[in-house]
Amino acid sequence: MSHGNGAGNNTTSTETVDLALLEPVLAEYAGQRGALIPILQRAQEIYNYLPREVLELIARRLGLSVGKVYGVATFYAQFYLEKRGKHILKLCDGTACHVKGTPVLMTAVEDRY
């Protein structure tokens, strides 16, 4: 079951985020405020989530407030503000999937991992 983005951020002061990895993306969309969502998508592809430092850099480069960037990142379930695992397992929780055995599969995965 996929659960959208996290409300917090697990980046600690001992971790460093290589912001240089985002530079080619920011150069491609330089000054294009309307490119916020594509930039966030590309940033998430690079980092596998959206670290606070990345949101701040994007805001500075686009001339937007950090609150605006954070608001967009938290509005869409496709964006994650917390680190995620290398492999993401998504399970359908709809009625048809439930009837076909998703709860059994979910329990097996939770018990194992």
N, C-alpha and C. Protein backbone atom coordinates (compact mmCIF):
# COMPACT_ATOMS: atom_id res chain seq x y z
N MET A 1 0.86 -1.16 0.00
CA MET A 1 0.00 0.00 0.00
C MET A 1 0.90 1.22 0.00
N SER A 2 0.69 2.13 -0.88
CA SER A 2 1.49 3.34 -0.98
C SER A 2 0.87 4.43 -0.12
N HIS A 3 1.70 5.13 0.59
CA HIS A 3 1.20 6.17 1.48
C HIS A 3 1.85 7.51 1.17
N GLY A 4 1.58 8.14 0.07
CA GLY A 4 1.99 9.50 -0.23
C GLY A 4 3.24 9.98 0.47
N ASN A 5 3.28 11.27 0.73
CA ASN A 5 4.48 11.85 1.30
C ASN A 5 4.43 11.90 2.81
N GLY A 6 5.57 12.06 3.40
CA GLY A 6 5.64 12.20 4.85
C GLY A 6 5.54 13.66 5.22
N ALA A 7 5.06 13.95 6.37
CA ALA A 7 4.92 15.34 6.79
C ALA A 7 6.24 15.90 7.29
N GLY A 8 7.12 15.03 7.71
CA GLY A 8 8.40 15.49 8.25
C GLY A 8 9.52 15.20 7.30
N ASN A 9 10.73 15.33 7.82
CA ASN A 9 11.91 15.08 7.01
C ASN A 9 12.94 14.42 7.90
N ASN A 10 13.50 13.33 7.46
CA ASN A 10 14.46 12.59 8.25
C ASN A 10 15.90 13.01 8.02
N THR A 11 16.13 14.07 7.27
CA THR A 11 17.49 14.52 7.04
C THR A 11 18.07 15.00 8.35
N THR A 12 19.21 14.46 8.72
CA THR A 12 19.85 14.87 9.96
C THR A 12 21.05 15.74 9.65
N SER A 13 21.58 16.40 10.67
CA SER A 13 22.71 17.29 10.47
C SER A 13 23.97 16.52 10.10
N THR A 14 24.02 15.21 10.33
CA THR A 14 25.20 14.44 9.97
C THR A 14 25.16 13.99 8.51
N GLU A 15 24.02 14.13 7.86
CA GLU A 15 23.89 13.77 6.45
C GLU A 15 24.17 14.99 5.60
N THR A 16 24.73 14.74 4.44
CA THR A 16 24.87 15.84 3.49
C THR A 16 24.16 15.44 2.21
N VAL A 17 23.52 16.40 1.62
CA VAL A 17 22.82 16.19 0.37
C VAL A 17 23.66 16.86 -0.71
N ASP A 18 24.02 16.12 -1.74
CA ASP A 18 24.84 16.66 -2.82
C ASP A 18 23.95 17.48 -3.75
N LEU A 19 23.88 18.77 -3.48
CA LEU A 19 23.03 19.66 -4.27
C LEU A 19 23.54 19.83 -5.70
N ALA A 20 24.81 19.54 -5.93
CA ALA A 20 25.37 19.66 -7.27
C ALA A 20 24.67 18.72 -8.26
N LEU A 21 24.12 17.63 -7.75
CA LEU A 21 23.40 16.69 -8.62
C LEU A 21 22.18 17.33 -9.28
N LEU A 22 21.64 18.36 -8.64
CA LEU A 22 20.44 19.01 -9.14
C LEU A 22 20.74 20.15 -10.11
N GLU A 23 21.99 20.59 -10.15
CA GLU A 23 22.35 21.75 -10.98
C GLU A 23 21.95 21.63 -12.44
N PRO A 24 22.18 20.49 -13.11
CA PRO A 24 21.76 20.40 -14.52
C PRO A 24 20.25 20.61 -14.71
N VAL A 25 19.48 20.12 -13.78
CA VAL A 25 18.02 20.29 -13.86
C VAL A 25 17.65 21.75 -13.67
N LEU A 26 18.26 22.39 -12.68
CA LEU A 26 17.97 23.80 -12.42
C LEU A 26 18.41 24.67 -13.59
N ALA A 27 19.52 24.31 -14.23
CA ALA A 27 19.98 25.06 -15.40
C ALA A 27 19.00 24.91 -16.57
N GLU A 28 18.48 23.72 -16.73
CA GLU A 28 17.52 23.46 -17.81
C GLU A 28 16.25 24.30 -17.66
N TYR A 29 15.81 24.51 -16.42
CA TYR A 29 14.56 25.23 -16.17
C TYR A 29 14.80 26.61 -15.56
N ALA A 30 15.97 27.17 -15.75
CA ALA A 30 16.36 28.43 -15.12
C ALA A 30 15.26 29.49 -15.24
N GLY A 31 14.82 29.98 -14.07
CA GLY A 31 13.86 31.08 -14.01
C GLY A 31 12.44 30.74 -14.42
N GLN A 32 12.14 29.51 -14.69
CA GLN A 32 10.79 29.13 -15.13
C GLN A 32 9.96 28.71 -13.92
N ARG A 33 9.28 29.64 -13.32
CA ARG A 33 8.47 29.35 -12.13
C ARG A 33 7.43 28.27 -12.40
N GLY A 34 6.93 28.23 -13.60
CA GLY A 34 5.93 27.23 -13.97
C GLY A 34 6.48 25.82 -14.06
N ALA A 35 7.79 25.69 -13.94
CA ALA A 35 8.43 24.38 -14.05
C ALA A 35 8.62 23.72 -12.69
N LEU A 36 7.98 24.24 -11.66
CA LEU A 36 8.18 23.71 -10.31
C LEU A 36 7.91 22.21 -10.24
N ILE A 37 6.79 21.75 -10.76
CA ILE A 37 6.46 20.33 -10.66
C ILE A 37 7.46 19.46 -11.42
N PRO A 38 7.82 19.79 -12.67
CA PRO A 38 8.83 18.97 -13.34
C PRO A 38 10.18 18.98 -12.60
N ILE A 39 10.54 20.09 -12.00
CA ILE A 39 11.79 20.15 -11.24
C ILE A 39 11.69 19.24 -10.02
N LEU A 40 10.58 19.29 -9.31
CA LEU A 40 10.39 18.42 -8.15
C LEU A 40 10.43 16.95 -8.58
N GLN A 41 9.82 16.63 -9.71
CA GLN A 41 9.83 15.25 -10.19
C GLN A 41 11.26 14.79 -10.48
N ARG A 42 12.01 15.63 -11.17
CA ARG A 42 13.39 15.27 -11.50
C ARG A 42 14.25 15.19 -10.25
N ALA A 43 14.03 16.10 -9.29
CA ALA A 43 14.79 16.06 -8.04
C ALA A 43 14.51 14.76 -7.30
N GLN A 44 13.27 14.35 -7.29
CA GLN A 44 12.93 13.11 -6.60
C GLN A 44 13.55 11.90 -7.31
N GLU A 45 13.65 11.95 -8.63
CA GLU A 45 14.33 10.88 -9.36
C GLU A 45 15.79 10.79 -8.93
N ILE A 46 16.41 11.93 -8.69
CA ILE A 46 17.82 11.98 -8.31
C ILE A 46 18.03 11.49 -6.88
N TYR A 47 17.24 12.00 -5.94
CA TYR A 47 17.47 11.74 -4.52
C TYR A 47 16.58 10.64 -3.94
N ASN A 48 15.56 10.23 -4.67
CA ASN A 48 14.56 9.25 -4.24
C ASN A 48 13.59 9.81 -3.20
N TYR A 49 13.74 11.05 -2.86
CA TYR A 49 12.82 11.80 -2.01
C TYR A 49 13.22 13.26 -2.15
N LEU A 50 12.53 14.16 -1.47
CA LEU A 50 12.84 15.59 -1.57
C LEU A 50 13.36 16.11 -0.24
N PRO A 51 14.69 16.11 -0.09
CA PRO A 51 15.27 16.64 1.16
C PRO A 51 14.97 18.13 1.32
N ARG A 52 14.94 18.58 2.55
CA ARG A 52 14.68 19.98 2.86
C ARG A 52 15.62 20.91 2.09
N GLU A 53 16.90 20.55 2.04
CA GLU A 53 17.89 21.39 1.35
C GLU A 53 17.56 21.54 -0.13
N VAL A 54 17.03 20.51 -0.72
CA VAL A 54 16.65 20.54 -2.13
C VAL A 54 15.47 21.48 -2.34
N LEU A 55 14.47 21.40 -1.46
CA LEU A 55 13.32 22.30 -1.56
C LEU A 55 13.76 23.75 -1.42
N GLU A 56 14.68 24.01 -0.51
CA GLU A 56 15.18 25.37 -0.30
C GLU A 56 15.93 25.88 -1.53
N LEU A 57 16.75 25.03 -2.12
CA LEU A 57 17.51 25.42 -3.32
C LEU A 57 16.57 25.70 -4.48
N ILE A 58 15.60 24.84 -4.68
CA ILE A 58 14.62 25.05 -5.76
C ILE A 58 13.89 26.37 -5.55
N ALA A 59 13.48 26.65 -4.33
CA ALA A 59 12.77 27.90 -4.03
C ALA A 59 13.65 29.10 -4.38
N ARG A 60 14.90 29.07 -3.95
CA ARG A 60 15.82 30.19 -4.24
C ARG A 60 15.98 30.38 -5.74
N ARG A 61 16.21 29.30 -6.46
CA ARG A 61 16.47 29.40 -7.90
C ARG A 61 15.26 29.86 -8.70
N LEU A 62 14.07 29.50 -8.25
CA LEU A 62 12.86 29.90 -8.97
C LEU A 62 12.28 31.21 -8.46
N GLY A 63 12.86 31.76 -7.39
CA GLY A 63 12.34 32.99 -6.83
C GLY A 63 11.00 32.79 -6.13
N LEU A 64 10.82 31.62 -5.56
CA LEU A 64 9.59 31.29 -4.84
C LEU A 64 9.90 31.16 -3.36
N SER A 65 8.88 31.25 -2.54
CA SER A 65 9.09 31.02 -1.11
C SER A 65 9.24 29.52 -0.87
N VAL A 66 9.96 29.18 0.18
CA VAL A 66 10.10 27.78 0.55
C VAL A 66 8.71 27.21 0.87
N GLY A 67 7.85 28.03 1.47
CA GLY A 67 6.49 27.59 1.79
C GLY A 67 5.71 27.19 0.55
N LYS A 68 5.87 27.94 -0.53
CA LYS A 68 5.18 27.62 -1.79
C LYS A 68 5.67 26.28 -2.33
N VAL A 69 6.98 26.09 -2.34
CA VAL A 69 7.56 24.85 -2.86
C VAL A 69 7.14 23.68 -1.97
N TYR A 70 7.21 23.87 -0.66
CA TYR A 70 6.80 22.84 0.29
C TYR A 70 5.31 22.52 0.11
N GLY A 71 4.51 23.55 -0.09
CA GLY A 71 3.07 23.35 -0.28
C GLY A 71 2.76 22.49 -1.49
N VAL A 72 3.46 22.73 -2.58
CA VAL A 72 3.25 21.92 -3.79
C VAL A 72 3.74 20.49 -3.54
N ALA A 73 4.90 20.36 -2.90
CA ALA A 73 5.47 19.03 -2.64
C ALA A 73 4.58 18.20 -1.72
N THR A 74 3.91 18.84 -0.80
CA THR A 74 3.05 18.10 0.13
C THR A 74 1.64 17.90 -0.41
N PHE A 75 1.25 18.68 -1.40
CA PHE A 75 -0.08 18.54 -1.98
C PHE A 75 -0.20 17.26 -2.81
N TYR A 76 0.85 16.96 -3.56
CA TYR A 76 0.81 15.80 -4.46
C TYR A 76 1.38 14.56 -3.78
N ALA A 77 0.61 13.48 -3.81
CA ALA A 77 1.01 12.23 -3.16
C ALA A 77 2.23 11.59 -3.81
N GLN A 78 2.58 12.01 -5.01
CA GLN A 78 3.74 11.41 -5.69
C GLN A 78 5.07 11.86 -5.10
N PHE A 79 5.05 12.93 -4.30
CA PHE A 79 6.29 13.44 -3.73
C PHE A 79 6.47 12.96 -2.30
N TYR A 80 7.72 12.65 -1.96
CA TYR A 80 8.06 12.14 -0.64
C TYR A 80 9.08 13.05 0.02
N LEU A 81 8.83 13.43 1.26
CA LEU A 81 9.74 14.28 2.01
C LEU A 81 10.60 13.48 2.97
N GLU A 82 10.36 12.20 3.04
CA GLU A 82 11.16 11.33 3.90
C GLU A 82 11.85 10.30 3.03
N LYS A 83 12.99 9.85 3.50
CA LYS A 83 13.73 8.82 2.77
C LYS A 83 12.86 7.59 2.60
N ARG A 84 13.03 6.97 1.46
CA ARG A 84 12.30 5.73 1.17
C ARG A 84 13.31 4.63 0.94
N GLY A 85 12.83 3.41 0.99
CA GLY A 85 13.69 2.27 0.72
C GLY A 85 14.10 2.21 -0.74
N LYS A 86 15.07 1.39 -1.02
CA LYS A 86 15.55 1.23 -2.39
C LYS A 86 14.47 0.61 -3.27
N HIS A 87 13.74 -0.34 -2.72
CA HIS A 87 12.67 -1.01 -3.47
C HIS A 87 11.34 -0.66 -2.82
N ILE A 88 10.43 -0.15 -3.61
CA ILE A 88 9.12 0.28 -3.12
C ILE A 88 8.07 -0.74 -3.56
N LEU A 89 7.35 -1.28 -2.62
CA LEU A 89 6.29 -2.24 -2.91
C LEU A 89 4.96 -1.53 -2.74
N LYS A 90 4.17 -1.53 -3.78
CA LYS A 90 2.85 -0.90 -3.72
C LYS A 90 1.80 -1.99 -3.86
N LEU A 91 0.86 -2.00 -2.94
CA LEU A 91 -0.22 -2.97 -2.98
C LEU A 91 -1.55 -2.24 -3.16
N CYS A 92 -2.38 -2.77 -4.00
CA CYS A 92 -3.71 -2.23 -4.22
C CYS A 92 -4.56 -2.53 -2.98
N ASP A 93 -5.31 -1.54 -2.53
CA ASP A 93 -6.20 -1.79 -1.39
C ASP A 93 -7.67 -1.57 -1.78
N GLY A 94 -7.94 -1.66 -3.07
CA GLY A 94 -9.31 -1.56 -3.55
C GLY A 94 -10.10 -2.83 -3.24
N THR A 95 -11.39 -2.78 -3.42
CA THR A 95 -12.27 -3.90 -3.10
C THR A 95 -11.89 -5.16 -3.87
N ALA A 96 -11.68 -5.05 -5.18
CA ALA A 96 -11.35 -6.22 -5.99
C ALA A 96 -10.03 -6.85 -5.52
N CYS A 97 -9.05 -6.02 -5.21
CA CYS A 97 -7.76 -6.53 -4.74
C CYS A 97 -7.90 -7.17 -3.36
N HIS A 98 -8.71 -6.55 -2.52
CA HIS A 98 -8.95 -7.09 -1.18
C HIS A 98 -9.53 -8.51 -1.28
N VAL A 99 -10.51 -8.67 -2.16
CA VAL A 99 -11.16 -9.97 -2.34
C VAL A 99 -10.16 -10.99 -2.90
N LYS A 100 -9.22 -10.53 -3.72
CA LYS A 100 -8.25 -11.43 -4.33
C LYS A 100 -7.09 -11.77 -3.40
N GLY A 101 -7.03 -11.17 -2.20
CA GLY A 101 -6.02 -11.60 -1.24
C GLY A 101 -4.95 -10.60 -0.85
N THR A 102 -5.12 -9.34 -1.16
CA THR A 102 -4.13 -8.35 -0.77
C THR A 102 -3.83 -8.37 0.73
N PRO A 103 -4.82 -8.50 1.62
CA PRO A 103 -4.50 -8.51 3.06
C PRO A 103 -3.54 -9.64 3.44
N VAL A 104 -3.70 -10.80 2.83
CA VAL A 104 -2.81 -11.93 3.13
C VAL A 104 -1.39 -11.60 2.67
N LEU A 105 -1.28 -11.05 1.47
CA LEU A 105 0.03 -10.67 0.93
C LEU A 105 0.68 -9.60 1.80
N MET A 106 -0.10 -8.59 2.20
CA MET A 106 0.42 -7.51 3.02
C MET A 106 0.92 -8.04 4.36
N THR A 107 0.17 -8.92 4.98
CA THR A 107 0.58 -9.51 6.26
C THR A 107 1.87 -10.30 6.09
N ALA A 108 1.98 -11.05 5.02
CA ALA A 108 3.19 -11.84 4.77
C ALA A 108 4.41 -10.94 4.61
N VAL A 109 4.26 -9.85 3.88
CA VAL A 109 5.36 -8.91 3.67
C VAL A 109 5.73 -8.24 4.99
N GLU A 110 4.73 -7.78 5.74
CA GLU A 110 4.99 -7.12 7.02
C GLU A 110 5.67 -8.07 8.00
N ASP A 111 5.25 -9.33 8.02
CA ASP A 111 5.86 -10.30 8.93
C ASP A 111 7.31 -10.58 8.56
N ARG A 112 7.58 -10.57 7.28
CA ARG A 112 8.94 -10.89 6.83
C ARG A 112 9.88 -9.70 6.97
N TYR A 113 9.39 -8.50 6.73
CA TYR A 113 10.26 -7.32 6.72
C TYR A 113 9.86 -6.35 7.80
